[in-house]
Amino acid sequence: MYRVFEALDELVTIVEEARGVPMTSGCVVPRGDVLELLDDVRESIPNELDDAQDVLDHRDQVVNKAQTEAEKSRGEAQTEAERTLSEARAEAERMLSEAREQADQMISDARGQAEQTVTAGKREYEDYISSAQSEADRMVQAGRAAYEQSIHEGKSEQARLVTDTEVVQEANAEAKRIVEEANEDAERLRSECDAYVDSRLADFEDLLGRTLRTVGKGRQQLRSPMGAPFDYEEWHPGNAGTN
């Protein structure tokens, strides 16, 4: 691209320093030098087209890389979510199993204790049927109360431990959040990549268009030596931002 601007600058210098034609606004320029510079410009333009193709190829590589990274992030997030969920389920099942075992044990102990108390009461009742009737009834009632209290405590403990299964719900929510964040990151990377490539191509398209228009104007001036003077300020690269 540097050679294109250099050749155009030389063309401007030739036109500015050319000897004017009396009584006209035209000038006399060395045809061979001008044609040689225009050939240099023509030979340099295909190289810029190759650069444009390189930019397009780079865009595909960037998009493919972003898609690969997004798929990798999504896969890792899914794996981590599944692992977390599996661990949470296993922990919840273990705690529930322990709660059931503890409740069963407490119920069994309560029943054994109640049966022992009732048996002792019956034995004392039979041995002291006349004198220990009231005491036997009291012991039976106390045993039943202890039995019911133990069952109540066992059920309460079981209910408390069962609530720990909320860990599974929290793990599901965390897994969903991780997957959604991975999808958002992938979409953001894809959008940023498309915007960057589109901006670079737009800049090159604008530059290439200005260059082609400049060459066309130069050729038109060469075909009409008696026409209007060459407008240097209109096409010079230093004024590219105003066109």
C-alpha atoms as a PDB file:
ATOM      1  CA  MET A   1       0.000   0.000   0.000  1.00  0.00           C
ATOM      2  CA  TYR A   2       2.933   2.344   0.612  1.00  0.00           C
ATOM      3  CA  ARG A   3       3.956   2.083  -3.077  1.00  0.00           C
ATOM      4  CA  VAL A   4       0.435   3.139  -4.154  1.00  0.00           C
ATOM      5  CA  PHE A   5       0.599   6.348  -2.121  1.00  0.00           C
ATOM      6  CA  GLU A   6       4.186   6.969  -3.214  1.00  0.00           C
ATOM      7  CA  ALA A   7       3.286   6.639  -6.897  1.00  0.00           C
ATOM      8  CA  LEU A   8       0.277   8.906  -6.489  1.00  0.00           C
ATOM      9  CA  ASP A   9       2.432  11.512  -4.740  1.00  0.00           C
ATOM     10  CA  GLU A  10       4.870  11.421  -7.651  1.00  0.00           C
ATOM     11  CA  LEU A  11       1.972  11.888 -10.087  1.00  0.00           C
ATOM     12  CA  VAL A  12       0.866  14.950  -8.142  1.00  0.00           C
ATOM     13  CA  THR A  13       4.391  16.325  -8.187  1.00  0.00           C
ATOM     14  CA  ILE A  14       4.622  15.825 -11.973  1.00  0.00           C
ATOM     15  CA  VAL A  15       1.309  17.618 -12.541  1.00  0.00           C
ATOM     16  CA  GLU A  16       2.198  20.469 -10.193  1.00  0.00           C
ATOM     17  CA  GLU A  17       5.601  21.024 -11.798  1.00  0.00           C
ATOM     18  CA  ALA A  18       4.447  20.493 -15.407  1.00  0.00           C
ATOM     19  CA  ARG A  19       4.845  23.336 -17.878  1.00  0.00           C
ATOM     20  CA  GLY A  20       1.537  25.087 -18.513  1.00  0.00           C
ATOM     21  CA  VAL A  21      -0.016  25.463 -21.974  1.00  0.00           C
ATOM     22  CA  PRO A  22      -0.360  29.149 -22.868  1.00  0.00           C
ATOM     23  CA  MET A  23      -3.861  30.574 -22.908  1.00  0.00           C
ATOM     24  CA  THR A  24      -5.306  27.385 -21.336  1.00  0.00           C
ATOM     25  CA  SER A  25      -5.596  25.783 -17.917  1.00  0.00           C
ATOM     26  CA  GLY A  26      -3.878  22.617 -19.195  1.00  0.00           C
ATOM     27  CA  CYS A  27      -0.300  21.503 -18.824  1.00  0.00           C
ATOM     28  CA  VAL A  28       2.256  19.295 -20.555  1.00  0.00           C
ATOM     29  CA  VAL A  29       3.305  16.196 -18.591  1.00  0.00           C
ATOM     30  CA  PRO A  30       5.829  13.471 -19.505  1.00  0.00           C
ATOM     31  CA  ARG A  31       3.596  10.682 -20.771  1.00  0.00           C
ATOM     32  CA  GLY A  32       6.116   7.907 -20.125  1.00  0.00           C
ATOM     33  CA  ASP A  33       6.666   8.855 -16.473  1.00  0.00           C
ATOM     34  CA  VAL A  34       2.959   9.179 -15.807  1.00  0.00           C
ATOM     35  CA  LEU A  35       2.134   5.845 -17.441  1.00  0.00           C
ATOM     36  CA  GLU A  36       4.947   4.146 -15.505  1.00  0.00           C
ATOM     37  CA  LEU A  37       3.600   5.469 -12.206  1.00  0.00           C
ATOM     38  CA  LEU A  38       0.082   4.386 -13.110  1.00  0.00           C
ATOM     39  CA  ASP A  39       1.423   0.901 -13.869  1.00  0.00           C
ATOM     40  CA  ASP A  40       2.999   0.853 -10.399  1.00  0.00           C
ATOM     41  CA  VAL A  41      -0.354   1.732  -8.883  1.00  0.00           C
ATOM     42  CA  ARG A  42      -2.069  -0.948 -10.949  1.00  0.00           C
ATOM     43  CA  GLU A  43       0.442  -3.597  -9.888  1.00  0.00           C
ATOM     44  CA  SER A  44       0.138  -2.661  -6.207  1.00  0.00           C
ATOM     45  CA  ILE A  45      -3.660  -2.932  -6.050  1.00  0.00           C
ATOM     46  CA  PRO A  46      -3.836  -6.793  -6.400  1.00  0.00           C
ATOM     47  CA  ASN A  47      -1.570  -7.096  -3.355  1.00  0.00           C
ATOM     48  CA  GLU A  48      -4.115  -5.127  -1.339  1.00  0.00           C
ATOM     49  CA  LEU A  49      -6.840  -7.481  -2.570  1.00  0.00           C
ATOM     50  CA  ASP A  50      -4.760 -10.393  -1.255  1.00  0.00           C
ATOM     51  CA  ASP A  51      -4.555  -8.584   2.068  1.00  0.00           C
ATOM     52  CA  ALA A  52      -8.351  -8.327   2.058  1.00  0.00           C
ATOM     53  CA  GLN A  53      -8.620 -12.077   1.556  1.00  0.00           C
ATOM     54  CA  ASP A  54      -6.203 -12.587   4.435  1.00  0.00           C
ATOM     55  CA  VAL A  55      -8.498 -10.479   6.627  1.00  0.00           C
ATOM     56  CA  LEU A  56     -11.479 -12.651   5.597  1.00  0.00           C
ATOM     57  CA  ASP A  57      -9.503 -15.822   6.325  1.00  0.00           C
ATOM     58  CA  HIS A  58      -8.489 -14.410   9.691  1.00  0.00           C
ATOM     59  CA  ARG A  59     -12.143 -13.683  10.435  1.00  0.00           C
ATOM     60  CA  ASP A  60     -13.040 -17.347   9.874  1.00  0.00           C
ATOM     61  CA  GLN A  61     -10.197 -18.433  12.146  1.00  0.00           C
ATOM     62  CA  VAL A  62     -11.276 -16.034  14.897  1.00  0.00           C
ATOM     63  CA  VAL A  63     -14.910 -17.156  14.628  1.00  0.00           C
ATOM     64  CA  ASN A  64     -13.926 -20.835  14.684  1.00  0.00           C
ATOM     65  CA  LYS A  65     -11.652 -20.270  17.670  1.00  0.00           C
ATOM     66  CA  ALA A  66     -14.377 -18.419  19.544  1.00  0.00           C
ATOM     67  CA  GLN A  67     -16.879 -21.172  18.793  1.00  0.00           C
ATOM     68  CA  THR A  68     -14.407 -23.844  19.938  1.00  0.00           C
ATOM     69  CA  GLU A  69     -13.711 -21.992  23.188  1.00  0.00           C
ATOM     70  CA  ALA A  70     -17.429 -21.494  23.751  1.00  0.00           C
ATOM     71  CA  GLU A  71     -18.135 -25.206  23.227  1.00  0.00           C
ATOM     72  CA  LYS A  72     -15.274 -26.070  25.569  1.00  0.00           C
ATOM     73  CA  SER A  73     -16.568 -23.682  28.253  1.00  0.00           C
ATOM     74  CA  ARG A  74     -20.078 -25.041  27.854  1.00  0.00           C
ATOM     75  CA  GLY A  75     -18.841 -28.612  28.148  1.00  0.00           C
ATOM     76  CA  GLU A  76     -16.761 -27.871  31.223  1.00  0.00           C
ATOM     77  CA  ALA A  77     -19.667 -26.034  32.847  1.00  0.00           C
ATOM     78  CA  GLN A  78     -22.012 -28.919  32.083  1.00  0.00           C
ATOM     79  CA  THR A  79     -19.548 -31.450  33.493  1.00  0.00           C
ATOM     80  CA  GLU A  80     -19.017 -29.395  36.641  1.00  0.00           C
ATOM     81  CA  ALA A  81     -22.758 -28.945  37.061  1.00  0.00           C
ATOM     82  CA  GLU A  82     -23.398 -32.666  36.694  1.00  0.00           C
ATOM     83  CA  ARG A  83     -20.624 -33.479  39.147  1.00  0.00           C
ATOM     84  CA  THR A  84     -21.948 -30.982  41.696  1.00  0.00           C
ATOM     85  CA  LEU A  85     -25.473 -32.305  41.286  1.00  0.00           C
ATOM     86  CA  SER A  86     -24.316 -35.919  41.670  1.00  0.00           C
ATOM     87  CA  GLU A  87     -22.371 -35.094  44.827  1.00  0.00           C
ATOM     88  CA  ALA A  88     -25.321 -33.189  46.271  1.00  0.00           C
ATOM     89  CA  ARG A  89     -27.682 -36.076  45.568  1.00  0.00           C
ATOM     90  CA  ALA A  90     -25.300 -38.577  47.111  1.00  0.00           C
ATOM     91  CA  GLU A  91     -24.894 -36.393  50.210  1.00  0.00           C
ATOM     92  CA  ALA A  92     -28.646 -35.925  50.539  1.00  0.00           C
ATOM     93  CA  GLU A  93     -29.263 -39.662  50.194  1.00  0.00           C
ATOM     94  CA  ARG A  94     -26.592 -40.415  52.786  1.00  0.00           C
ATOM     95  CA  MET A  95     -28.036 -37.928  55.273  1.00  0.00           C
ATOM     96  CA  LEU A  96     -31.561 -39.224  54.675  1.00  0.00           C
ATOM     97  CA  SER A  97     -30.380 -42.796  55.187  1.00  0.00           C
ATOM     98  CA  GLU A  98     -28.647 -41.844  58.436  1.00  0.00           C
ATOM     99  CA  ALA A  99     -31.778 -40.039  59.612  1.00  0.00           C
ATOM    100  CA  ARG A 100     -33.898 -43.099  58.913  1.00  0.00           C
ATOM    101  CA  GLU A 101     -31.452 -45.367  60.703  1.00  0.00           C
ATOM    102  CA  GLN A 102     -31.358 -43.069  63.728  1.00  0.00           C
ATOM    103  CA  ALA A 103     -35.147 -42.800  63.793  1.00  0.00           C
ATOM    104  CA  ASP A 104     -35.557 -46.578  63.497  1.00  0.00           C
ATOM    105  CA  GLN A 105     -33.021 -47.101  66.260  1.00  0.00           C
ATOM    106  CA  MET A 106     -34.738 -44.615  68.559  1.00  0.00           C
ATOM    107  CA  ILE A 107     -38.117 -46.200  67.872  1.00  0.00           C
ATOM    108  CA  SER A 108     -36.684 -49.661  68.518  1.00  0.00           C
ATOM    109  CA  ASP A 109     -35.062 -48.532  71.745  1.00  0.00           C
ATOM    110  CA  ALA A 110     -38.268 -46.866  72.846  1.00  0.00           C
ATOM    111  CA  ARG A 111     -40.261 -49.988  72.107  1.00  0.00           C
ATOM    112  CA  GLY A 112     -37.752 -52.180  73.946  1.00  0.00           C
ATOM    113  CA  GLN A 113     -37.781 -49.864  76.923  1.00  0.00           C
ATOM    114  CA  ALA A 114     -41.570 -49.739  76.917  1.00  0.00           C
ATOM    115  CA  GLU A 115     -41.834 -53.503  76.663  1.00  0.00           C
ATOM    116  CA  GLN A 116     -39.373 -53.918  79.526  1.00  0.00           C
ATOM    117  CA  THR A 117     -41.309 -51.454  81.636  1.00  0.00           C
ATOM    118  CA  VAL A 118     -44.624 -53.141  80.853  1.00  0.00           C
ATOM    119  CA  THR A 119     -43.171 -56.564  81.565  1.00  0.00           C
ATOM    120  CA  ALA A 120     -41.758 -55.395  84.886  1.00  0.00           C
ATOM    121  CA  GLY A 121     -45.061 -53.861  85.768  1.00  0.00           C
ATOM    122  CA  LYS A 122     -46.941 -57.002  84.912  1.00  0.00           C
ATOM    123  CA  ARG A 123     -44.514 -59.099  86.918  1.00  0.00           C
ATOM    124  CA  GLU A 124     -44.831 -56.848  89.960  1.00  0.00           C
ATOM    125  CA  TYR A 125     -48.598 -56.830  89.478  1.00  0.00           C
ATOM    126  CA  GLU A 126     -48.673 -60.582  89.538  1.00  0.00           C
ATOM    127  CA  ASP A 127     -46.305 -60.756  92.539  1.00  0.00           C
ATOM    128  CA  TYR A 128     -47.984 -57.990  94.508  1.00  0.00           C
ATOM    129  CA  ILE A 129     -51.461 -58.089  93.089  1.00  0.00           C
ATOM    130  CA  SER A 130     -53.015 -56.778  96.204  1.00  0.00           C
ATOM    131  CA  SER A 131     -50.546 -54.162  97.310  1.00  0.00           C
ATOM    132  CA  ALA A 132     -48.920 -52.956  94.064  1.00  0.00           C
ATOM    133  CA  GLN A 133     -51.905 -52.436  91.724  1.00  0.00           C
ATOM    134  CA  SER A 134     -51.592 -48.658  91.686  1.00  0.00           C
ATOM    135  CA  GLU A 135     -47.806 -48.782  91.311  1.00  0.00           C
ATOM    136  CA  ALA A 136     -48.069 -51.173  88.411  1.00  0.00           C
ATOM    137  CA  ASP A 137     -50.518 -48.858  86.628  1.00  0.00           C
ATOM    138  CA  ARG A 138     -48.208 -45.892  87.170  1.00  0.00           C
ATOM    139  CA  MET A 139     -45.237 -47.731  85.742  1.00  0.00           C
ATOM    140  CA  VAL A 140     -47.236 -48.811  82.701  1.00  0.00           C
ATOM    141  CA  GLN A 141     -48.369 -45.225  82.064  1.00  0.00           C
ATOM    142  CA  ALA A 142     -44.801 -43.953  82.513  1.00  0.00           C
ATOM    143  CA  GLY A 143     -43.536 -46.497  80.016  1.00  0.00           C
ATOM    144  CA  ARG A 144     -46.142 -45.540  77.452  1.00  0.00           C
ATOM    145  CA  ALA A 145     -45.351 -41.847  77.901  1.00  0.00           C
ATOM    146  CA  ALA A 146     -41.640 -42.500  77.405  1.00  0.00           C
ATOM    147  CA  TYR A 147     -42.429 -44.576  74.331  1.00  0.00           C
ATOM    148  CA  GLU A 148     -44.589 -41.853  72.767  1.00  0.00           C
ATOM    149  CA  GLN A 149     -42.002 -39.179  73.617  1.00  0.00           C
ATOM    150  CA  SER A 150     -39.236 -41.194  71.993  1.00  0.00           C
ATOM    151  CA  ILE A 151     -41.309 -41.732  68.868  1.00  0.00           C
ATOM    152  CA  HIS A 152     -42.119 -38.015  68.733  1.00  0.00           C
ATOM    153  CA  GLU A 153     -38.453 -37.068  69.048  1.00  0.00           C
ATOM    154  CA  GLY A 154     -37.443 -39.611  66.411  1.00  0.00           C
ATOM    155  CA  LYS A 155     -39.975 -38.265  63.915  1.00  0.00           C
ATOM    156  CA  SER A 156     -38.895 -34.684  64.616  1.00  0.00           C
ATOM    157  CA  GLU A 157     -35.247 -35.589  64.026  1.00  0.00           C
ATOM    158  CA  GLN A 158     -36.153 -37.404  60.828  1.00  0.00           C
ATOM    159  CA  ALA A 159     -38.109 -34.389  59.519  1.00  0.00           C
ATOM    160  CA  ARG A 160     -35.204 -32.054  60.326  1.00  0.00           C
ATOM    161  CA  LEU A 161     -32.698 -34.191  58.470  1.00  0.00           C
ATOM    162  CA  VAL A 162     -35.008 -34.616  55.488  1.00  0.00           C
ATOM    163  CA  THR A 163     -35.039 -30.830  55.006  1.00  0.00           C
ATOM    164  CA  ASP A 164     -31.320 -31.048  54.213  1.00  0.00           C
ATOM    165  CA  THR A 165     -32.354 -32.252  50.755  1.00  0.00           C
ATOM    166  CA  GLU A 166     -32.586 -28.534  49.906  1.00  0.00           C
ATOM    167  CA  VAL A 167     -28.903 -28.928  49.032  1.00  0.00           C
ATOM    168  CA  VAL A 168     -30.049 -30.697  45.863  1.00  0.00           C
ATOM    169  CA  GLN A 169     -32.237 -27.749  44.877  1.00  0.00           C
ATOM    170  CA  GLU A 170     -29.395 -25.287  45.439  1.00  0.00           C
ATOM    171  CA  ALA A 171     -27.067 -27.465  43.344  1.00  0.00           C
ATOM    172  CA  ASN A 172     -29.603 -27.499  40.493  1.00  0.00           C
ATOM    173  CA  ALA A 173     -29.876 -23.713  40.615  1.00  0.00           C
ATOM    174  CA  GLU A 174     -26.072 -23.322  40.600  1.00  0.00           C
ATOM    175  CA  ALA A 175     -25.719 -25.710  37.650  1.00  0.00           C
ATOM    176  CA  LYS A 176     -28.320 -23.775  35.672  1.00  0.00           C
ATOM    177  CA  ARG A 177     -26.542 -20.489  36.423  1.00  0.00           C
ATOM    178  CA  ILE A 178     -23.160 -21.861  35.266  1.00  0.00           C
ATOM    179  CA  VAL A 179     -24.617 -23.095  31.951  1.00  0.00           C
ATOM    180  CA  GLU A 180     -26.397 -19.756  31.329  1.00  0.00           C
ATOM    181  CA  GLU A 181     -23.172 -17.797  31.993  1.00  0.00           C
ATOM    182  CA  ALA A 182     -21.248 -20.029  29.552  1.00  0.00           C
ATOM    183  CA  ASN A 183     -23.887 -19.416  26.843  1.00  0.00           C
ATOM    184  CA  GLU A 184     -23.789 -15.637  27.458  1.00  0.00           C
ATOM    185  CA  ASP A 185     -19.941 -15.588  27.219  1.00  0.00           C
ATOM    186  CA  ALA A 186     -20.031 -17.531  23.947  1.00  0.00           C
ATOM    187  CA  GLU A 187     -22.605 -15.159  22.419  1.00  0.00           C
ATOM    188  CA  ARG A 188     -20.637 -12.104  23.551  1.00  0.00           C
ATOM    189  CA  LEU A 189     -17.374 -13.391  22.045  1.00  0.00           C
ATOM    190  CA  ARG A 190     -19.128 -14.172  18.748  1.00  0.00           C
ATOM    191  CA  SER A 191     -20.671 -10.675  18.576  1.00  0.00           C
ATOM    192  CA  GLU A 192     -17.376  -8.911  19.386  1.00  0.00           C
ATOM    193  CA  CYS A 193     -15.521 -10.947  16.745  1.00  0.00           C
ATOM    194  CA  ASP A 194     -18.123 -10.148  14.033  1.00  0.00           C
ATOM    195  CA  ALA A 195     -18.055  -6.449  14.900  1.00  0.00           C
ATOM    196  CA  TYR A 196     -14.238  -6.293  14.767  1.00  0.00           C
ATOM    197  CA  VAL A 197     -13.981  -8.046  11.395  1.00  0.00           C
ATOM    198  CA  ASP A 198     -16.811  -5.957   9.903  1.00  0.00           C
ATOM    199  CA  SER A 199     -15.098  -2.738  11.025  1.00  0.00           C
ATOM    200  CA  ARG A 200     -11.761  -3.741   9.485  1.00  0.00           C
ATOM    201  CA  LEU A 201     -13.389  -4.729   6.184  1.00  0.00           C
ATOM    202  CA  ALA A 202     -15.363  -1.471   6.063  1.00  0.00           C
ATOM    203  CA  ASP A 203     -12.158   0.558   6.519  1.00  0.00           C
ATOM    204  CA  PHE A 204     -10.400  -1.343   3.757  1.00  0.00           C
ATOM    205  CA  GLU A 205     -13.437  -1.079   1.464  1.00  0.00           C
ATOM    206  CA  ASP A 206     -13.461   2.705   1.922  1.00  0.00           C
ATOM    207  CA  LEU A 207      -9.726   2.993   1.269  1.00  0.00           C
ATOM    208  CA  LEU A 208      -9.876   0.782  -1.806  1.00  0.00           C
ATOM    209  CA  GLY A 209     -12.833   2.761  -3.188  1.00  0.00           C
ATOM    210  CA  ARG A 210     -11.020   6.062  -2.794  1.00  0.00           C
ATOM    211  CA  THR A 211      -7.901   4.627  -4.469  1.00  0.00           C
ATOM    212  CA  LEU A 212      -9.865   3.338  -7.478  1.00  0.00           C
ATOM    213  CA  ARG A 213     -11.683   6.660  -7.871  1.00  0.00           C
ATOM    214  CA  THR A 214      -8.344   8.504  -7.747  1.00  0.00           C
ATOM    215  CA  VAL A 215      -6.804   6.296 -10.438  1.00  0.00           C
ATOM    216  CA  GLY A 216      -9.901   6.754 -12.599  1.00  0.00           C
ATOM    217  CA  LYS A 217      -9.675  10.532 -12.305  1.00  0.00           C
ATOM    218  CA  GLY A 218      -5.955  10.428 -13.162  1.00  0.00           C
ATOM    219  CA  ARG A 219      -6.600   8.383 -16.298  1.00  0.00           C
ATOM    220  CA  GLN A 220      -9.421  10.708 -17.272  1.00  0.00           C
ATOM    221  CA  GLN A 221      -7.072  13.692 -16.980  1.00  0.00           C
ATOM    222  CA  LEU A 222      -4.519  11.930 -19.176  1.00  0.00           C
ATOM    223  CA  ARG A 223      -7.117  11.270 -21.872  1.00  0.00           C
ATOM    224  CA  SER A 224      -8.189  14.961 -21.814  1.00  0.00           C
ATOM    225  CA  PRO A 225      -5.003  17.089 -21.638  1.00  0.00           C
ATOM    226  CA  MET A 226      -6.979  20.222 -22.523  1.00  0.00           C
ATOM    227  CA  GLY A 227      -9.623  19.634 -19.804  1.00  0.00           C
ATOM    228  CA  ALA A 228      -9.923  20.905 -16.253  1.00  0.00           C
ATOM    229  CA  PRO A 229      -6.762  21.051 -14.046  1.00  0.00           C
ATOM    230  CA  PHE A 230      -6.002  18.111 -11.776  1.00  0.00           C
ATOM    231  CA  ASP A 231      -7.592  18.684  -8.344  1.00  0.00           C
ATOM    232  CA  TYR A 232      -4.880  17.583  -5.905  1.00  0.00           C
ATOM    233  CA  GLU A 233      -6.780  18.568  -2.760  1.00  0.00           C
ATOM    234  CA  GLU A 234      -9.776  16.377  -3.691  1.00  0.00           C
ATOM    235  CA  TRP A 235      -8.120  12.954  -3.693  1.00  0.00           C
ATOM    236  CA  HIS A 236      -4.850  13.312  -1.705  1.00  0.00           C
ATOM    237  CA  PRO A 237      -4.651  10.664   1.080  1.00  0.00           C
ATOM    238  CA  GLY A 238      -4.217  13.417   3.657  1.00  0.00           C
ATOM    239  CA  ASN A 239      -7.853  14.453   2.959  1.00  0.00           C
ATOM    240  CA  ALA A 240      -9.232  10.912   3.180  1.00  0.00           C
ATOM    241  CA  GLY A 241     -11.222  11.692   6.288  1.00  0.00           C
ATOM    242  CA  THR A 242     -13.215  14.446   4.478  1.00  0.00           C
ATOM    243  CA  ASN A 243     -14.323  12.413   1.422  1.00  0.00           C
END
